[in-house]
Amino acid sequence: MKIVVIIQARMGSSRFPGKMLELLADRPVIEWVYDRARTIPGLDAVVVATTTTPADDQLADHCRLRGIPVFRGSENDVLDRYYQAAKELQADMIMRITGDCPFLDPQESRKVVDAYLQMPDCDYASNNTPPTYPDGLDTEAVSFQALEWMWKNAHAVPYREHVTYYIRSHQDQFRVAVVKNTVDLSAHRWTLDEKADYIKLSTIAEKLGRRKQFGSLYEILAVLYDNPDIDTVNRYIGRDEGLEKSLREHPV
């Protein structure tokens, strides 16, 4: 089985344009995400999937300069971007990670791979349905067959913009495995959508550097425990606001 990680990333975020190349402790966000994704045990390939729009030329060029594989596809039809990338890479199982998760924990992500592999004929596995991990550790695994089925049959805008939303909202149609943390940590937010997120993540990155730590799930929790004021910076931002906006504008 060929396991491929596809990291969706673009420069044109409406809430925080250019965030993929913003620096966290002297390294661009996209490098944090890629470096962590490629250390998930048992993978065959990791690729950044960005768009063909000129706005993403800078991101694609940066990745290629750093030796990061790049695939370019549709800007708004993200499901098609994933499908075409997976097809080109001949993936059997696709792990979906978003570029706004610089503190992804490879060991926690591996648990999703294991859950997928342990369920016979699994279509989809995740650690965010329902969420019990911090927002920013989201990891999903989907079979190529399920991805292809959605690509052919799921036509509503929210299904095209949010790659796995069809499966997550129609779980009775698929074989689904769920990874839950032993403690519900879903109230924590370590993702990067707005400037307030960036302020928080930059501070965490700086403190991890001083501690000479990688930044695993529990190392970051320890940083926040020792510095509780950091945790309040972005508390007002809701989880999955992009999906909620898509559903308001295009009800399904």
Protein backbone atom coordinates (compact mmCIF):
# COMPACT_ATOMS: atom_id res chain seq x y z
CA MET A 1 0.00 0.00 0.00
CA LYS A 2 1.36 3.40 -1.01
CA ILE A 3 0.66 6.05 1.65
CA VAL A 4 0.91 9.65 0.47
CA VAL A 5 0.55 12.83 2.52
CA ILE A 6 -0.98 15.73 0.62
CA ILE A 7 -0.62 19.11 2.32
CA GLN A 8 -3.05 21.67 0.94
CA ALA A 9 -1.60 25.18 1.06
CA ARG A 10 -2.03 28.51 -0.67
CA MET A 11 -1.05 32.15 -0.25
CA GLY A 12 -4.50 33.64 -0.86
CA SER A 13 -6.11 33.21 2.55
CA SER A 14 -8.82 35.86 3.02
CA ARG A 15 -8.15 36.16 6.75
CA PHE A 16 -4.33 36.02 6.68
CA PRO A 17 -2.86 36.43 3.16
CA GLY A 18 0.64 35.04 2.66
CA LYS A 19 0.61 33.01 5.87
CA MET A 20 2.42 30.01 4.37
CA LEU A 21 5.67 31.98 4.13
CA GLU A 22 5.36 33.84 7.43
CA LEU A 23 8.18 32.97 9.81
CA LEU A 24 7.89 30.97 13.00
CA ALA A 25 11.24 31.04 14.81
CA ASP A 26 13.06 31.93 11.56
CA ARG A 27 11.41 29.22 9.44
CA PRO A 28 8.41 29.64 7.12
CA VAL A 29 5.17 27.98 8.23
CA ILE A 30 5.09 25.65 5.21
CA GLU A 31 8.50 24.23 6.18
CA TRP A 32 7.28 23.50 9.70
CA VAL A 33 4.31 21.61 8.29
CA TYR A 34 6.31 19.69 5.68
CA ASP A 35 9.13 18.76 8.05
CA ARG A 36 6.67 17.40 10.60
CA ALA A 37 4.56 15.56 8.02
CA ARG A 38 7.55 13.77 6.53
CA THR A 39 8.54 12.39 9.94
CA ILE A 40 5.20 10.58 10.36
CA PRO A 41 6.34 6.93 10.44
CA GLY A 42 5.55 4.67 7.51
CA LEU A 43 4.95 7.15 4.69
CA ASP A 44 5.91 6.78 1.05
CA ALA A 45 5.64 10.40 -0.12
CA VAL A 46 4.76 13.91 1.03
CA VAL A 47 3.70 16.65 -1.38
CA VAL A 48 2.47 20.22 -1.05
CA ALA A 49 -0.64 20.75 -3.18
CA THR A 50 -1.09 24.41 -4.06
CA THR A 51 -2.98 26.18 -6.82
CA THR A 52 -2.16 27.16 -10.38
CA THR A 53 -2.95 30.83 -9.74
CA PRO A 54 -0.08 33.35 -10.09
CA ALA A 55 -0.54 34.26 -6.42
CA ASP A 56 0.88 30.84 -5.52
CA ASP A 57 3.94 31.01 -7.77
CA GLN A 58 5.98 32.32 -4.85
CA LEU A 59 4.93 29.42 -2.63
CA ALA A 60 5.61 26.83 -5.33
CA ASP A 61 9.02 28.36 -6.08
CA HIS A 62 9.95 28.45 -2.40
CA CYS A 63 9.03 24.79 -1.95
CA ARG A 64 11.02 23.68 -5.00
CA LEU A 65 14.05 25.66 -3.82
CA ARG A 66 13.86 23.79 -0.50
CA GLY A 67 13.45 20.41 -2.20
CA ILE A 68 9.79 20.11 -1.21
CA PRO A 69 7.69 18.28 -3.85
CA VAL A 70 4.86 20.41 -5.26
CA PHE A 71 1.65 19.65 -7.12
CA ARG A 72 -0.45 22.48 -8.57
CA GLY A 73 -4.16 22.28 -9.27
CA SER A 74 -7.52 23.99 -8.93
CA GLU A 75 -7.80 26.92 -6.52
CA ASN A 76 -11.42 26.45 -5.44
CA ASP A 77 -12.08 22.80 -6.29
CA VAL A 78 -9.77 21.44 -3.61
CA LEU A 79 -11.28 17.96 -3.95
CA ASP A 80 -10.14 17.92 -7.57
CA ARG A 81 -6.70 19.16 -6.53
CA TYR A 82 -6.40 16.25 -4.11
CA TYR A 83 -7.74 13.71 -6.56
CA GLN A 84 -5.38 14.75 -9.36
CA ALA A 85 -2.38 14.80 -6.99
CA ALA A 86 -3.27 11.37 -5.58
CA LYS A 87 -3.77 9.97 -9.07
CA GLU A 88 -0.42 11.33 -10.27
CA LEU A 89 1.35 9.85 -7.22
CA GLN A 90 -0.51 6.52 -7.56
CA ALA A 91 -1.59 6.69 -3.92
CA ASP A 92 -3.58 3.90 -2.29
CA MET A 93 -4.21 5.87 0.90
CA ILE A 94 -4.11 9.64 1.12
CA MET A 95 -3.39 11.49 4.35
CA ARG A 96 -4.88 14.97 4.32
CA ILE A 97 -3.08 17.68 6.24
CA THR A 98 -3.62 21.41 5.90
CA GLY A 99 -0.83 23.97 5.63
CA ASP A 100 -2.08 25.89 8.63
CA CYS A 101 -0.96 23.19 11.11
CA PRO A 102 2.71 23.96 11.89
CA PHE A 103 2.58 22.08 15.22
CA LEU A 104 1.35 18.81 13.77
CA ASP A 105 2.49 15.91 15.98
CA PRO A 106 3.85 13.03 13.83
CA GLN A 107 3.23 10.40 16.51
CA GLU A 108 -0.39 11.45 16.96
CA SER A 109 -0.87 11.50 13.18
CA ARG A 110 0.53 7.98 12.95
CA LYS A 111 -2.33 6.79 15.16
CA VAL A 112 -4.70 7.74 12.33
CA VAL A 113 -2.68 5.63 9.88
CA ASP A 114 -2.80 2.70 12.30
CA ALA A 115 -6.57 3.04 12.76
CA TYR A 116 -7.03 3.06 8.99
CA LEU A 117 -4.84 0.00 8.47
CA GLN A 118 -6.43 -1.96 11.30
CA MET A 119 -9.96 -1.67 9.91
CA PRO A 120 -10.57 -4.01 6.95
CA ASP A 121 -11.57 -2.12 3.79
CA CYS A 122 -11.45 1.19 5.62
CA ASP A 123 -12.60 4.23 3.62
CA TYR A 124 -11.72 6.98 6.07
CA ALA A 125 -10.00 7.51 9.41
CA SER A 126 -9.53 10.74 11.36
CA ASN A 127 -8.80 12.28 14.73
CA ASN A 128 -11.24 15.17 14.30
CA THR A 129 -14.63 13.48 13.82
CA PRO A 130 -15.48 14.31 16.56
CA PRO A 131 -12.52 16.46 17.62
CA THR A 132 -10.70 15.54 20.83
CA TYR A 133 -7.29 16.92 19.84
CA PRO A 134 -6.24 20.58 19.65
CA ASP A 135 -7.31 22.38 16.48
CA GLY A 136 -4.05 22.17 14.53
CA LEU A 137 -3.36 18.45 14.96
CA ASP A 138 -6.12 17.40 12.55
CA THR A 139 -5.16 14.37 10.49
CA GLU A 140 -7.34 12.44 8.05
CA ALA A 141 -6.73 9.31 5.98
CA VAL A 142 -8.90 8.40 3.00
CA SER A 143 -8.70 5.57 0.50
CA PHE A 144 -8.14 6.42 -3.13
CA GLN A 145 -11.39 4.63 -3.97
CA ALA A 146 -13.38 6.81 -1.56
CA LEU A 147 -11.63 9.96 -2.79
CA GLU A 148 -12.42 9.02 -6.38
CA TRP A 149 -16.05 8.30 -5.51
CA MET A 150 -16.42 11.78 -3.98
CA TRP A 151 -14.65 13.36 -6.94
CA LYS A 152 -17.20 11.78 -9.28
CA ASN A 153 -20.35 12.15 -7.18
CA ALA A 154 -20.07 14.96 -4.59
CA HIS A 155 -20.79 18.15 -6.54
CA ALA A 156 -22.01 20.73 -3.99
CA VAL A 157 -19.59 23.58 -3.30
CA PRO A 158 -18.85 22.65 0.35
CA TYR A 159 -17.89 19.13 -0.76
CA ARG A 160 -15.48 20.51 -3.39
CA GLU A 161 -13.94 23.15 -1.10
CA HIS A 162 -13.61 20.87 1.95
CA VAL A 163 -12.15 17.62 0.71
CA THR A 164 -13.53 15.11 3.19
CA TYR A 165 -16.72 16.88 4.22
CA TYR A 166 -18.94 14.53 2.23
CA ILE A 167 -17.64 11.51 4.14
CA ARG A 168 -17.82 13.29 7.49
CA SER A 169 -21.45 14.27 6.87
CA HIS A 170 -22.47 10.88 5.39
CA GLN A 171 -20.59 8.44 7.61
CA ASP A 172 -23.27 5.77 7.22
CA GLN A 173 -22.18 5.33 3.59
CA PHE A 174 -18.55 4.53 4.41
CA ARG A 175 -16.34 2.40 6.66
CA VAL A 176 -15.01 4.96 9.12
CA ALA A 177 -12.42 4.67 11.90
CA VAL A 178 -12.20 7.29 14.64
CA VAL A 179 -9.14 8.14 16.76
CA LYS A 180 -9.97 9.77 20.10
CA ASN A 181 -7.55 11.21 22.60
CA THR A 182 -7.88 9.96 26.17
CA VAL A 183 -8.50 13.55 27.31
CA ASP A 184 -10.64 16.02 25.37
CA LEU A 185 -8.24 18.77 24.26
CA SER A 186 -10.43 20.15 21.49
CA ALA A 187 -10.75 23.56 23.18
CA HIS A 188 -7.09 24.27 22.37
CA ARG A 189 -6.34 26.14 19.16
CA TRP A 190 -2.92 25.73 17.51
CA THR A 191 -3.90 26.38 13.91
CA LEU A 192 -3.09 29.45 11.78
CA ASP A 193 -5.99 31.35 10.25
CA GLU A 194 -5.71 34.86 11.66
CA LYS A 195 -3.12 37.30 13.00
CA ALA A 196 -4.05 36.40 16.57
CA ASP A 197 -3.18 32.77 15.80
CA TYR A 198 0.17 33.87 14.43
CA ILE A 199 0.98 35.84 17.58
CA LYS A 200 0.23 32.80 19.72
CA LEU A 201 2.10 30.29 17.54
CA SER A 202 5.15 32.56 17.24
CA THR A 203 5.37 32.79 21.02
CA ILE A 204 5.05 29.02 21.39
CA ALA A 205 7.74 28.46 18.73
CA GLU A 206 10.08 30.86 20.51
CA LYS A 207 9.59 29.13 23.86
CA LEU A 208 10.06 25.68 22.32
CA GLY A 209 13.34 26.90 20.85
CA ARG A 210 14.53 28.09 24.24
CA ARG A 211 13.64 24.72 25.72
CA LYS A 212 15.30 22.92 22.79
CA GLN A 213 12.14 20.90 22.26
CA PHE A 214 10.52 19.56 19.09
CA GLY A 215 7.03 20.59 20.15
CA SER A 216 5.05 17.40 20.62
CA LEU A 217 1.47 17.56 21.85
CA TYR A 218 2.45 17.35 25.51
CA GLU A 219 5.48 19.64 25.18
CA ILE A 220 3.21 22.39 23.83
CA LEU A 221 0.66 21.74 26.57
CA ALA A 222 3.49 22.19 29.08
CA VAL A 223 4.46 25.53 27.49
CA LEU A 224 0.86 26.73 27.77
CA TYR A 225 0.58 25.47 31.35
CA ASP A 226 3.66 27.50 32.27
CA ASN A 227 2.45 30.54 30.29
CA PRO A 228 -1.36 30.60 30.58
CA ASP A 229 -1.62 34.14 29.17
CA ILE A 230 -0.54 32.81 25.73
CA ASP A 231 -3.61 30.62 25.49
CA THR A 232 -6.09 33.51 25.61
CA VAL A 233 -4.78 35.37 22.55
CA ASN A 234 -6.93 33.56 19.96
CA ARG A 235 -9.62 32.02 22.15
CA TYR A 236 -12.37 34.04 20.44
CA ILE A 237 -11.87 32.28 17.08
CA GLY A 238 -14.19 29.35 16.38
CA ARG A 239 -13.23 25.97 14.99
CA ASP A 240 -13.89 25.25 11.28
CA GLU A 241 -15.03 28.78 10.48
CA GLY A 242 -14.17 28.29 6.81
CA LEU A 243 -16.49 25.30 6.55
CA GLU A 244 -19.26 27.12 8.41
CA LYS A 245 -18.97 30.06 5.99
CA SER A 246 -19.13 27.69 3.00
CA LEU A 247 -22.24 26.01 4.38
CA ARG A 248 -23.96 29.36 5.02
CA GLU A 249 -23.30 30.48 1.46
CA HIS A 250 -23.99 27.10 -0.17
CA PRO A 251 -26.35 25.02 2.01
CA VAL A 252 -26.37 21.26 1.31
